[in-house]
Amino acid sequence: MSAQHKSHKQVINRLKRAHGHMHKIMEMLEDERSCVDVAQQLYAVEKAVVKAKRLLIHDHIDHCLGQGDQDSQSGQTLDELKEITKYL
């Protein structure tokens, strides 16, 4: 599991997008821009982070929890699935 997953590049791109929006929000607040404009940017940050989180979790479920010997790891896999889905 130490190798980077295929989705990591997409997750990084989404987080970079969110980072850019956050920077913009701080500038907007300093410039006393309208609350509607700021709220719109906050919404964009929220959506970018949610999409990155879901992509990461779905990738983890597909590639990490679906591998290995089912008999020896089924209990551990189920526990890990329960743990990660609380972040959805």
PDB file of N, CA and C in Angstrom:
ATOM      1  N   MET A   1       0.810  -1.203   0.000  1.00  0.00           N
ATOM      2  CA  MET A   1       0.000   0.000   0.000  1.00  0.00           C
ATOM      3  C   MET A   1       0.849   1.261   0.000  1.00  0.00           C
ATOM      4  N   SER A   2       2.128   1.129   0.033  1.00  0.00           N
ATOM      5  CA  SER A   2       2.971   2.310   0.057  1.00  0.00           C
ATOM      6  C   SER A   2       3.096   2.968  -1.311  1.00  0.00           C
ATOM      7  N   ALA A   3       2.830   2.227  -2.378  1.00  0.00           N
ATOM      8  CA  ALA A   3       2.890   2.805  -3.715  1.00  0.00           C
ATOM      9  C   ALA A   3       1.730   3.774  -3.915  1.00  0.00           C
ATOM     10  N   GLN A   4       2.005   4.800  -4.687  1.00  0.00           N
ATOM     11  CA  GLN A   4       0.975   5.795  -4.939  1.00  0.00           C
ATOM     12  C   GLN A   4      -0.126   5.205  -5.810  1.00  0.00           C
ATOM     13  N   HIS A   5      -1.344   5.468  -5.455  1.00  0.00           N
ATOM     14  CA  HIS A   5      -2.496   4.999  -6.214  1.00  0.00           C
ATOM     15  C   HIS A   5      -2.687   5.871  -7.440  1.00  0.00           C
ATOM     16  N   LYS A   6      -3.382   5.340  -8.430  1.00  0.00           N
ATOM     17  CA  LYS A   6      -3.653   6.096  -9.657  1.00  0.00           C
ATOM     18  C   LYS A   6      -4.429   7.377  -9.366  1.00  0.00           C
ATOM     19  N   SER A   7      -5.288   7.345  -8.361  1.00  0.00           N
ATOM     20  CA  SER A   7      -6.133   8.508  -8.061  1.00  0.00           C
ATOM     21  C   SER A   7      -5.391   9.621  -7.330  1.00  0.00           C
ATOM     22  N   HIS A   8      -4.212   9.343  -6.788  1.00  0.00           N
ATOM     23  CA  HIS A   8      -3.527  10.358  -5.979  1.00  0.00           C
ATOM     24  C   HIS A   8      -3.258  11.638  -6.760  1.00  0.00           C
ATOM     25  N   LYS A   9      -2.912  11.515  -8.029  1.00  0.00           N
ATOM     26  CA  LYS A   9      -2.665  12.718  -8.834  1.00  0.00           C
ATOM     27  C   LYS A   9      -3.947  13.552  -8.944  1.00  0.00           C
ATOM     28  N   GLN A  10      -5.080  12.880  -9.141  1.00  0.00           N
ATOM     29  CA  GLN A  10      -6.362  13.588  -9.219  1.00  0.00           C
ATOM     30  C   GLN A  10      -6.699  14.233  -7.872  1.00  0.00           C
ATOM     31  N   VAL A  11      -6.434  13.534  -6.788  1.00  0.00           N
ATOM     32  CA  VAL A  11      -6.703  14.080  -5.454  1.00  0.00           C
ATOM     33  C   VAL A  11      -5.832  15.313  -5.229  1.00  0.00           C
ATOM     34  N   ILE A  12      -4.574  15.225  -5.593  1.00  0.00           N
ATOM     35  CA  ILE A  12      -3.668  16.365  -5.439  1.00  0.00           C
ATOM     36  C   ILE A  12      -4.163  17.551  -6.257  1.00  0.00           C
ATOM     37  N   ASN A  13      -4.600  17.315  -7.484  1.00  0.00           N
ATOM     38  CA  ASN A  13      -5.108  18.410  -8.326  1.00  0.00           C
ATOM     39  C   ASN A  13      -6.331  19.063  -7.703  1.00  0.00           C
ATOM     40  N   ARG A  14      -7.237  18.263  -7.148  1.00  0.00           N
ATOM     41  CA  ARG A  14      -8.429  18.818  -6.497  1.00  0.00           C
ATOM     42  C   ARG A  14      -8.044  19.639  -5.267  1.00  0.00           C
ATOM     43  N   LEU A  15      -7.073  19.158  -4.508  1.00  0.00           N
ATOM     44  CA  LEU A  15      -6.637  19.889  -3.315  1.00  0.00           C
ATOM     45  C   LEU A  15      -5.903  21.175  -3.689  1.00  0.00           C
ATOM     46  N   LYS A  16      -5.162  21.147  -4.773  1.00  0.00           N
ATOM     47  CA  LYS A  16      -4.517  22.379  -5.254  1.00  0.00           C
ATOM     48  C   LYS A  16      -5.573  23.406  -5.656  1.00  0.00           C
ATOM     49  N   ARG A  17      -6.644  22.915  -6.280  1.00  0.00           N
ATOM     50  CA  ARG A  17      -7.744  23.809  -6.661  1.00  0.00           C
ATOM     51  C   ARG A  17      -8.355  24.434  -5.405  1.00  0.00           C
ATOM     52  N   ALA A  18      -8.577  23.616  -4.388  1.00  0.00           N
ATOM     53  CA  ALA A  18      -9.137  24.120  -3.133  1.00  0.00           C
ATOM     54  C   ALA A  18      -8.186  25.127  -2.492  1.00  0.00           C
ATOM     55  N   HIS A  19      -6.906  24.839  -2.552  1.00  0.00           N
ATOM     56  CA  HIS A  19      -5.896  25.749  -1.988  1.00  0.00           C
ATOM     57  C   HIS A  19      -5.949  27.105  -2.692  1.00  0.00           C
ATOM     58  N   GLY A  20      -6.077  27.071  -4.007  1.00  0.00           N
ATOM     59  CA  GLY A  20      -6.188  28.316  -4.767  1.00  0.00           C
ATOM     60  C   GLY A  20      -7.423  29.110  -4.385  1.00  0.00           C
ATOM     61  N   HIS A  21      -8.532  28.415  -4.205  1.00  0.00           N
ATOM     62  CA  HIS A  21      -9.760  29.089  -3.775  1.00  0.00           C
ATOM     63  C   HIS A  21      -9.589  29.698  -2.380  1.00  0.00           C
ATOM     64  N   MET A  22      -8.923  28.979  -1.485  1.00  0.00           N
ATOM     65  CA  MET A  22      -8.716  29.498  -0.124  1.00  0.00           C
ATOM     66  C   MET A  22      -7.900  30.794  -0.156  1.00  0.00           C
ATOM     67  N   HIS A  23      -6.856  30.795  -0.958  1.00  0.00           N
ATOM     68  CA  HIS A  23      -6.040  31.994  -1.091  1.00  0.00           C
ATOM     69  C   HIS A  23      -6.887  33.158  -1.600  1.00  0.00           C
ATOM     70  N   LYS A  24      -7.711  32.879  -2.588  1.00  0.00           N
ATOM     71  CA  LYS A  24      -8.597  33.893  -3.161  1.00  0.00           C
ATOM     72  C   LYS A  24      -9.574  34.417  -2.105  1.00  0.00           C
ATOM     73  N   ILE A  25     -10.100  33.534  -1.273  1.00  0.00           N
ATOM     74  CA  ILE A  25     -11.049  33.939  -0.228  1.00  0.00           C
ATOM     75  C   ILE A  25     -10.405  34.906   0.747  1.00  0.00           C
ATOM     76  N   MET A  26      -9.184  34.611   1.151  1.00  0.00           N
ATOM     77  CA  MET A  26      -8.495  35.514   2.084  1.00  0.00           C
ATOM     78  C   MET A  26      -8.286  36.887   1.465  1.00  0.00           C
ATOM     79  N   GLU A  27      -7.915  36.915   0.189  1.00  0.00           N
ATOM     80  CA  GLU A  27      -7.764  38.197  -0.506  1.00  0.00           C
ATOM     81  C   GLU A  27      -9.091  38.937  -0.590  1.00  0.00           C
ATOM     82  N   MET A  28     -10.149  38.191  -0.878  1.00  0.00           N
ATOM     83  CA  MET A  28     -11.476  38.800  -0.996  1.00  0.00           C
ATOM     84  C   MET A  28     -11.909  39.414   0.331  1.00  0.00           C
ATOM     85  N   LEU A  29     -11.646  38.729   1.425  1.00  0.00           N
ATOM     86  CA  LEU A  29     -12.012  39.256   2.744  1.00  0.00           C
ATOM     87  C   LEU A  29     -11.199  40.506   3.074  1.00  0.00           C
ATOM     88  N   GLU A  30      -9.907  40.470   2.747  1.00  0.00           N
ATOM     89  CA  GLU A  30      -9.062  41.643   2.984  1.00  0.00           C
ATOM     90  C   GLU A  30      -9.514  42.836   2.144  1.00  0.00           C
ATOM     91  N   ASP A  31     -10.023  42.555   0.945  1.00  0.00           N
ATOM     92  CA  ASP A  31     -10.504  43.608   0.046  1.00  0.00           C
ATOM     93  C   ASP A  31     -11.958  43.988   0.319  1.00  0.00           C
ATOM     94  N   GLU A  32     -12.556  43.370   1.357  1.00  0.00           N
ATOM     95  CA  GLU A  32     -13.940  43.624   1.758  1.00  0.00           C
ATOM     96  C   GLU A  32     -14.923  43.404   0.614  1.00  0.00           C
ATOM     97  N   ARG A  33     -14.730  42.287  -0.107  1.00  0.00           N
ATOM     98  CA  ARG A  33     -15.640  41.919  -1.192  1.00  0.00           C
ATOM     99  C   ARG A  33     -16.976  41.482  -0.605  1.00  0.00           C
ATOM    100  N   SER A  34     -17.959  41.367  -1.447  1.00  0.00           N
ATOM    101  CA  SER A  34     -19.306  41.039  -0.977  1.00  0.00           C
ATOM    102  C   SER A  34     -19.345  39.641  -0.358  1.00  0.00           C
ATOM    103  N   CYS A  35     -20.234  39.500   0.601  1.00  0.00           N
ATOM    104  CA  CYS A  35     -20.405  38.218   1.281  1.00  0.00           C
ATOM    105  C   CYS A  35     -20.863  37.132   0.303  1.00  0.00           C
ATOM    106  N   VAL A  36     -21.643  37.502  -0.686  1.00  0.00           N
ATOM    107  CA  VAL A  36     -22.102  36.533  -1.677  1.00  0.00           C
ATOM    108  C   VAL A  36     -20.908  35.981  -2.464  1.00  0.00           C
ATOM    109  N   ASP A  37     -20.002  36.863  -2.865  1.00  0.00           N
ATOM    110  CA  ASP A  37     -18.815  36.419  -3.602  1.00  0.00           C
ATOM    111  C   ASP A  37     -17.940  35.511  -2.741  1.00  0.00           C
ATOM    112  N   VAL A  38     -17.769  35.870  -1.487  1.00  0.00           N
ATOM    113  CA  VAL A  38     -16.960  35.065  -0.567  1.00  0.00           C
ATOM    114  C   VAL A  38     -17.624  33.706  -0.341  1.00  0.00           C
ATOM    115  N   ALA A  39     -18.928  33.718  -0.145  1.00  0.00           N
ATOM    116  CA  ALA A  39     -19.656  32.462   0.065  1.00  0.00           C
ATOM    117  C   ALA A  39     -19.528  31.555  -1.151  1.00  0.00           C
ATOM    118  N   GLN A  40     -19.547  32.125  -2.328  1.00  0.00           N
ATOM    119  CA  GLN A  40     -19.399  31.338  -3.553  1.00  0.00           C
ATOM    120  C   GLN A  40     -18.036  30.651  -3.583  1.00  0.00           C
ATOM    121  N   GLN A  41     -17.000  31.363  -3.204  1.00  0.00           N
ATOM    122  CA  GLN A  41     -15.661  30.772  -3.175  1.00  0.00           C
ATOM    123  C   GLN A  41     -15.542  29.709  -2.076  1.00  0.00           C
ATOM    124  N   LEU A  42     -16.160  29.958  -0.934  1.00  0.00           N
ATOM    125  CA  LEU A  42     -16.161  28.955   0.138  1.00  0.00           C
ATOM    126  C   LEU A  42     -16.855  27.677  -0.317  1.00  0.00           C
ATOM    127  N   TYR A  43     -17.924  27.830  -1.051  1.00  0.00           N
ATOM    128  CA  TYR A  43     -18.643  26.682  -1.596  1.00  0.00           C
ATOM    129  C   TYR A  43     -17.737  25.894  -2.551  1.00  0.00           C
ATOM    130  N   ALA A  44     -16.978  26.608  -3.376  1.00  0.00           N
ATOM    131  CA  ALA A  44     -16.064  25.949  -4.308  1.00  0.00           C
ATOM    132  C   ALA A  44     -14.988  25.163  -3.562  1.00  0.00           C
ATOM    133  N   VAL A  45     -14.483  25.721  -2.468  1.00  0.00           N
ATOM    134  CA  VAL A  45     -13.489  25.014  -1.650  1.00  0.00           C
ATOM    135  C   VAL A  45     -14.103  23.756  -1.059  1.00  0.00           C
ATOM    136  N   GLU A  46     -15.280  23.898  -0.502  1.00  0.00           N
ATOM    137  CA  GLU A  46     -15.963  22.757   0.112  1.00  0.00           C
ATOM    138  C   GLU A  46     -16.159  21.639  -0.906  1.00  0.00           C
ATOM    139  N   LYS A  47     -16.635  21.970  -2.086  1.00  0.00           N
ATOM    140  CA  LYS A  47     -16.878  20.964  -3.117  1.00  0.00           C
ATOM    141  C   LYS A  47     -15.582  20.295  -3.567  1.00  0.00           C
ATOM    142  N   ALA A  48     -14.522  21.066  -3.727  1.00  0.00           N
ATOM    143  CA  ALA A  48     -13.243  20.497  -4.152  1.00  0.00           C
ATOM    144  C   ALA A  48     -12.705  19.517  -3.118  1.00  0.00           C
ATOM    145  N   VAL A  49     -12.829  19.864  -1.845  1.00  0.00           N
ATOM    146  CA  VAL A  49     -12.346  18.986  -0.772  1.00  0.00           C
ATOM    147  C   VAL A  49     -13.209  17.731  -0.674  1.00  0.00           C
ATOM    148  N   VAL A  50     -14.519  17.888  -0.773  1.00  0.00           N
ATOM    149  CA  VAL A  50     -15.422  16.730  -0.710  1.00  0.00           C
ATOM    150  C   VAL A  50     -15.134  15.774  -1.862  1.00  0.00           C
ATOM    151  N   LYS A  51     -14.935  16.299  -3.051  1.00  0.00           N
ATOM    152  CA  LYS A  51     -14.656  15.447  -4.200  1.00  0.00           C
ATOM    153  C   LYS A  51     -13.311  14.736  -4.043  1.00  0.00           C
ATOM    154  N   ALA A  52     -12.316  15.425  -3.514  1.00  0.00           N
ATOM    155  CA  ALA A  52     -11.005  14.807  -3.275  1.00  0.00           C
ATOM    156  C   ALA A  52     -11.125  13.695  -2.235  1.00  0.00           C
ATOM    157  N   LYS A  53     -11.868  13.958  -1.191  1.00  0.00           N
ATOM    158  CA  LYS A  53     -12.052  12.961  -0.127  1.00  0.00           C
ATOM    159  C   LYS A  53     -12.747  11.723  -0.656  1.00  0.00           C
ATOM    160  N   ARG A  54     -13.811  11.897  -1.390  1.00  0.00           N
ATOM    161  CA  ARG A  54     -14.547  10.753  -1.932  1.00  0.00           C
ATOM    162  C   ARG A  54     -13.699   9.946  -2.900  1.00  0.00           C
ATOM    163  N   LEU A  55     -12.960  10.640  -3.747  1.00  0.00           N
ATOM    164  CA  LEU A  55     -12.089   9.956  -4.693  1.00  0.00           C
ATOM    165  C   LEU A  55     -11.056   9.110  -3.951  1.00  0.00           C
ATOM    166  N   LEU A  56     -10.455   9.670  -2.927  1.00  0.00           N
ATOM    167  CA  LEU A  56      -9.458   8.952  -2.134  1.00  0.00           C
ATOM    168  C   LEU A  56     -10.075   7.743  -1.435  1.00  0.00           C
ATOM    169  N   ILE A  57     -11.223   7.916  -0.829  1.00  0.00           N
ATOM    170  CA  ILE A  57     -11.877   6.823  -0.105  1.00  0.00           C
ATOM    171  C   ILE A  57     -12.325   5.730  -1.064  1.00  0.00           C
ATOM    172  N   HIS A  58     -12.918   6.105  -2.182  1.00  0.00           N
ATOM    173  CA  HIS A  58     -13.353   5.103  -3.153  1.00  0.00           C
ATOM    174  C   HIS A  58     -12.163   4.333  -3.711  1.00  0.00           C
ATOM    175  N   ASP A  59     -11.070   5.034  -3.955  1.00  0.00           N
ATOM    176  CA  ASP A  59      -9.857   4.380  -4.434  1.00  0.00           C
ATOM    177  C   ASP A  59      -9.332   3.404  -3.383  1.00  0.00           C
ATOM    178  N   HIS A  60      -9.372   3.817  -2.135  1.00  0.00           N
ATOM    179  CA  HIS A  60      -8.901   2.946  -1.048  1.00  0.00           C
ATOM    180  C   HIS A  60      -9.753   1.683  -0.978  1.00  0.00           C
ATOM    181  N   ILE A  61     -11.046   1.848  -1.078  1.00  0.00           N
ATOM    182  CA  ILE A  61     -11.953   0.696  -1.033  1.00  0.00           C
ATOM    183  C   ILE A  61     -11.671  -0.237  -2.214  1.00  0.00           C
ATOM    184  N   ASP A  62     -11.522   0.329  -3.407  1.00  0.00           N
ATOM    185  CA  ASP A  62     -11.301  -0.481  -4.606  1.00  0.00           C
ATOM    186  C   ASP A  62      -9.959  -1.204  -4.595  1.00  0.00           C
ATOM    187  N   HIS A  63      -8.907  -0.505  -4.194  1.00  0.00           N
ATOM    188  CA  HIS A  63      -7.568  -1.050  -4.366  1.00  0.00           C
ATOM    189  C   HIS A  63      -6.934  -1.625  -3.109  1.00  0.00           C
ATOM    190  N   CYS A  64      -7.316  -1.173  -1.973  1.00  0.00           N
ATOM    191  CA  CYS A  64      -6.677  -1.654  -0.750  1.00  0.00           C
ATOM    192  C   CYS A  64      -7.510  -2.709  -0.037  1.00  0.00           C
ATOM    193  N   LEU A  65      -8.791  -2.501   0.019  1.00  0.00           N
ATOM    194  CA  LEU A  65      -9.638  -3.423   0.762  1.00  0.00           C
ATOM    195  C   LEU A  65     -10.046  -4.630  -0.066  1.00  0.00           C
ATOM    196  N   GLY A  66      -9.930  -4.523  -1.367  1.00  0.00           N
ATOM    197  CA  GLY A  66     -10.328  -5.622  -2.232  1.00  0.00           C
ATOM    198  C   GLY A  66      -9.203  -6.592  -2.550  1.00  0.00           C
ATOM    199  N   GLN A  67      -8.025  -6.361  -1.988  1.00  0.00           N
ATOM    200  CA  GLN A  67      -6.873  -7.208  -2.277  1.00  0.00           C
ATOM    201  C   GLN A  67      -6.592  -8.154  -1.123  1.00  0.00           C
ATOM    202  N   GLY A  68      -5.844  -9.185  -1.423  1.00  0.00           N
ATOM    203  CA  GLY A  68      -5.361 -10.083  -0.381  1.00  0.00           C
ATOM    204  C   GLY A  68      -6.230 -11.302  -0.204  1.00  0.00           C
ATOM    205  N   ASP A  69      -5.806 -12.147   0.679  1.00  0.00           N
ATOM    206  CA  ASP A  69      -6.496 -13.398   0.995  1.00  0.00           C
ATOM    207  C   ASP A  69      -7.746 -13.083   1.801  1.00  0.00           C
ATOM    208  N   GLN A  70      -8.893 -13.396   1.247  1.00  0.00           N
ATOM    209  CA  GLN A  70     -10.169 -13.068   1.882  1.00  0.00           C
ATOM    210  C   GLN A  70     -10.332 -13.718   3.253  1.00  0.00           C
ATOM    211  N   ASP A  71      -9.898 -14.958   3.385  1.00  0.00           N
ATOM    212  CA  ASP A  71     -10.084 -15.663   4.657  1.00  0.00           C
ATOM    213  C   ASP A  71      -9.258 -15.058   5.779  1.00  0.00           C
ATOM    214  N   SER A  72      -8.004 -14.726   5.501  1.00  0.00           N
ATOM    215  CA  SER A  72      -7.128 -14.252   6.567  1.00  0.00           C
ATOM    216  C   SER A  72      -7.306 -12.772   6.880  1.00  0.00           C
ATOM    217  N   GLN A  73      -7.850 -11.995   5.957  1.00  0.00           N
ATOM    218  CA  GLN A  73      -7.943 -10.549   6.163  1.00  0.00           C
ATOM    219  C   GLN A  73      -9.364 -10.027   6.245  1.00  0.00           C
ATOM    220  N   SER A  74     -10.363 -10.881   6.185  1.00  0.00           N
ATOM    221  CA  SER A  74     -11.736 -10.386   6.103  1.00  0.00           C
ATOM    222  C   SER A  74     -12.136  -9.562   7.321  1.00  0.00           C
ATOM    223  N   GLY A  75     -11.746  -9.962   8.513  1.00  0.00           N
ATOM    224  CA  GLY A  75     -12.078  -9.195   9.712  1.00  0.00           C
ATOM    225  C   GLY A  75     -11.395  -7.846   9.728  1.00  0.00           C
ATOM    226  N   GLN A  76     -10.115  -7.852   9.378  1.00  0.00           N
ATOM    227  CA  GLN A  76      -9.355  -6.601   9.336  1.00  0.00           C
ATOM    228  C   GLN A  76      -9.904  -5.687   8.242  1.00  0.00           C
ATOM    229  N   THR A  77     -10.235  -6.248   7.092  1.00  0.00           N
ATOM    230  CA  THR A  77     -10.771  -5.470   5.976  1.00  0.00           C
ATOM    231  C   THR A  77     -12.099  -4.834   6.347  1.00  0.00           C
ATOM    232  N   LEU A  78     -12.959  -5.578   6.998  1.00  0.00           N
ATOM    233  CA  LEU A  78     -14.252  -5.047   7.412  1.00  0.00           C
ATOM    234  C   LEU A  78     -14.071  -3.912   8.419  1.00  0.00           C
ATOM    235  N   ASP A  79     -13.172  -4.090   9.364  1.00  0.00           N
ATOM    236  CA  ASP A  79     -12.900  -3.031  10.350  1.00  0.00           C
ATOM    237  C   ASP A  79     -12.374  -1.772   9.662  1.00  0.00           C
ATOM    238  N   GLU A  80     -11.480  -1.954   8.690  1.00  0.00           N
ATOM    239  CA  GLU A  80     -10.920  -0.806   7.979  1.00  0.00           C
ATOM    240  C   GLU A  80     -11.986  -0.116   7.136  1.00  0.00           C
ATOM    241  N   LEU A  81     -12.864  -0.907   6.521  1.00  0.00           N
ATOM    242  CA  LEU A  81     -13.960  -0.329   5.747  1.00  0.00           C
ATOM    243  C   LEU A  81     -14.874   0.507   6.634  1.00  0.00           C
ATOM    244  N   LYS A  82     -15.206  -0.007   7.792  1.00  0.00           N
ATOM    245  CA  LYS A  82     -16.045   0.737   8.746  1.00  0.00           C
ATOM    246  C   LYS A  82     -15.352   2.030   9.170  1.00  0.00           C
ATOM    247  N   GLU A  83     -14.059   1.939   9.394  1.00  0.00           N
ATOM    248  CA  GLU A  83     -13.298   3.106   9.838  1.00  0.00           C
ATOM    249  C   GLU A  83     -13.280   4.206   8.767  1.00  0.00           C
ATOM    250  N   ILE A  84     -13.000   3.847   7.515  1.00  0.00           N
ATOM    251  CA  ILE A  84     -12.864   4.866   6.475  1.00  0.00           C
ATOM    252  C   ILE A  84     -14.202   5.433   6.039  1.00  0.00           C
ATOM    253  N   THR A  85     -15.255   4.649   6.088  1.00  0.00           N
ATOM    254  CA  THR A  85     -16.552   5.168   5.625  1.00  0.00           C
ATOM    255  C   THR A  85     -17.136   6.214   6.562  1.00  0.00           C
ATOM    256  N   LYS A  86     -16.647   6.320   7.757  1.00  0.00           N
ATOM    257  CA  LYS A  86     -17.163   7.378   8.634  1.00  0.00           C
ATOM    258  C   LYS A  86     -16.749   8.770   8.139  1.00  0.00           C
ATOM    259  N   TYR A  87     -15.810   8.808   7.221  1.00  0.00           N
ATOM    260  CA  TYR A  87     -15.353  10.087   6.652  1.00  0.00           C
ATOM    261  C   TYR A  87     -16.102  10.489   5.393  1.00  0.00           C
ATOM    262  N   LEU A  88     -17.024   9.651   4.933  1.00  0.00           N
ATOM    263  CA  LEU A  88     -17.800   9.992   3.740  1.00  0.00           C
ATOM    264  C   LEU A  88     -18.768  11.120   4.016  1.00  0.00           C
TER     265      LEU A  88
END
